Amino acid sequence: MPLVQWMVWTVPTGIFFGVIALILTAMTTWQALAPSMERRGFLPIATTPGDRLFVGLLVSAYVHLAWLGVTRASLWVPLAVCVIWMWVVMRWG
């Protein structure tokens, strides 16, 4: 019996974690090849692109968890909200 069988990995779950891994790999590679300076945006602290990615992913997780806790409606709505949020925080955060 595989060690992670209890996790019940599905194709959407695998795709989700695969995309997150690709995003983190791309961000790490980008910052290794062309380091960027910290800057201040609308976030109350000076941040690098990696910091803004972390904040964006963290808020997106909470948005989805709140959505799941409040309603049984489709997850496409919070996904759209989070995509817009990520774009805003990466651009102006």
Protein backbone atom coordinates (compact mmCIF):
# COMPACT_ATOMS: atom_id res chain seq x y z
CA MET A 1 0.00 0.00 0.00
CA PRO A 2 1.56 3.35 -1.04
CA LEU A 3 2.25 5.79 1.74
CA VAL A 4 0.09 8.60 0.28
CA GLN A 5 -2.89 6.50 -0.81
CA TRP A 6 -5.04 8.01 1.98
CA MET A 7 -4.72 11.41 0.25
CA VAL A 8 -6.94 10.33 -2.66
CA TRP A 9 -5.11 12.27 -5.36
CA THR A 10 -7.35 13.16 -8.27
CA VAL A 11 -6.39 14.59 -11.65
CA PRO A 12 -7.54 18.14 -10.73
CA THR A 13 -5.55 17.95 -7.48
CA GLY A 14 -2.46 16.78 -9.34
CA ILE A 15 -2.85 19.55 -11.92
CA PHE A 16 -3.28 22.15 -9.18
CA PHE A 17 -0.12 21.17 -7.32
CA GLY A 18 1.75 20.75 -10.61
CA VAL A 19 0.86 24.30 -11.65
CA ILE A 20 1.93 25.68 -8.27
CA ALA A 21 5.24 23.80 -8.59
CA LEU A 22 5.77 25.21 -12.10
CA ILE A 23 5.00 28.76 -10.90
CA LEU A 24 7.47 28.44 -8.02
CA THR A 25 10.12 26.96 -10.32
CA ALA A 26 9.62 29.74 -12.88
CA MET A 27 9.79 32.45 -10.20
CA THR A 28 12.94 30.94 -8.68
CA THR A 29 14.62 30.69 -12.09
CA TRP A 30 13.60 34.25 -13.01
CA GLN A 31 14.97 35.67 -9.76
CA ALA A 32 18.20 33.67 -10.08
CA LEU A 33 18.81 34.96 -13.61
CA ALA A 34 17.60 38.55 -13.07
CA PRO A 35 17.37 39.51 -9.39
CA SER A 36 14.94 42.34 -8.72
CA MET A 37 14.98 45.05 -6.11
CA GLU A 38 12.37 45.46 -3.39
CA ARG A 39 9.70 48.05 -4.10
CA ARG A 40 6.72 49.53 -2.34
CA GLY A 41 3.28 49.26 -3.84
CA PHE A 42 -0.10 49.20 -2.14
CA LEU A 43 1.10 46.48 0.26
CA PRO A 44 2.29 48.04 3.55
CA ILE A 45 5.83 46.65 3.18
CA ALA A 46 8.56 46.68 0.56
CA THR A 47 8.31 43.43 -1.41
CA THR A 48 10.09 41.42 -4.08
CA PRO A 49 8.17 39.50 -6.76
CA GLY A 50 8.59 36.35 -4.66
CA ASP A 51 7.03 38.05 -1.65
CA ARG A 52 4.09 39.23 -3.77
CA LEU A 53 3.66 35.70 -5.18
CA PHE A 54 3.55 34.30 -1.64
CA VAL A 55 1.02 36.92 -0.48
CA GLY A 56 -1.10 36.31 -3.57
CA LEU A 57 -1.13 32.53 -3.12
CA LEU A 58 -1.87 32.82 0.60
CA VAL A 59 -4.82 35.18 0.07
CA SER A 60 -6.08 32.96 -2.78
CA ALA A 61 -6.06 29.93 -0.48
CA TYR A 62 -8.07 31.81 2.15
CA VAL A 63 -10.54 33.08 -0.45
CA HIS A 64 -11.15 29.52 -1.64
CA LEU A 65 -11.46 28.15 1.90
CA ALA A 66 -13.92 30.90 2.82
CA TRP A 67 -15.92 30.20 -0.34
CA LEU A 68 -16.06 26.49 0.49
CA GLY A 69 -17.12 27.30 4.06
CA VAL A 70 -19.90 29.68 3.05
CA THR A 71 -21.42 28.18 -0.09
CA ARG A 72 -21.60 25.08 -2.23
CA ALA A 73 -21.59 27.13 -5.43
CA SER A 74 -19.07 26.54 -8.19
CA LEU A 75 -15.41 27.26 -7.51
CA TRP A 76 -15.11 29.12 -10.83
CA VAL A 77 -16.15 32.38 -9.14
CA PRO A 78 -13.39 32.44 -6.50
CA LEU A 79 -10.94 31.20 -9.14
CA ALA A 80 -11.75 34.24 -11.30
CA VAL A 81 -11.47 36.54 -8.26
CA CYS A 82 -8.11 35.01 -7.34
CA VAL A 83 -6.71 35.28 -10.87
CA ILE A 84 -7.59 38.99 -10.87
CA TRP A 85 -6.16 39.35 -7.34
CA MET A 86 -2.88 37.67 -8.37
CA TRP A 87 -2.58 39.96 -11.38
CA VAL A 88 -3.20 43.07 -9.25
CA VAL A 89 -0.83 42.10 -6.44
CA MET A 90 1.95 41.07 -8.84
CA ARG A 91 1.54 44.27 -10.86
CA TRP A 92 0.92 46.92 -8.20
CA GLY A 93 1.52 45.17 -4.86
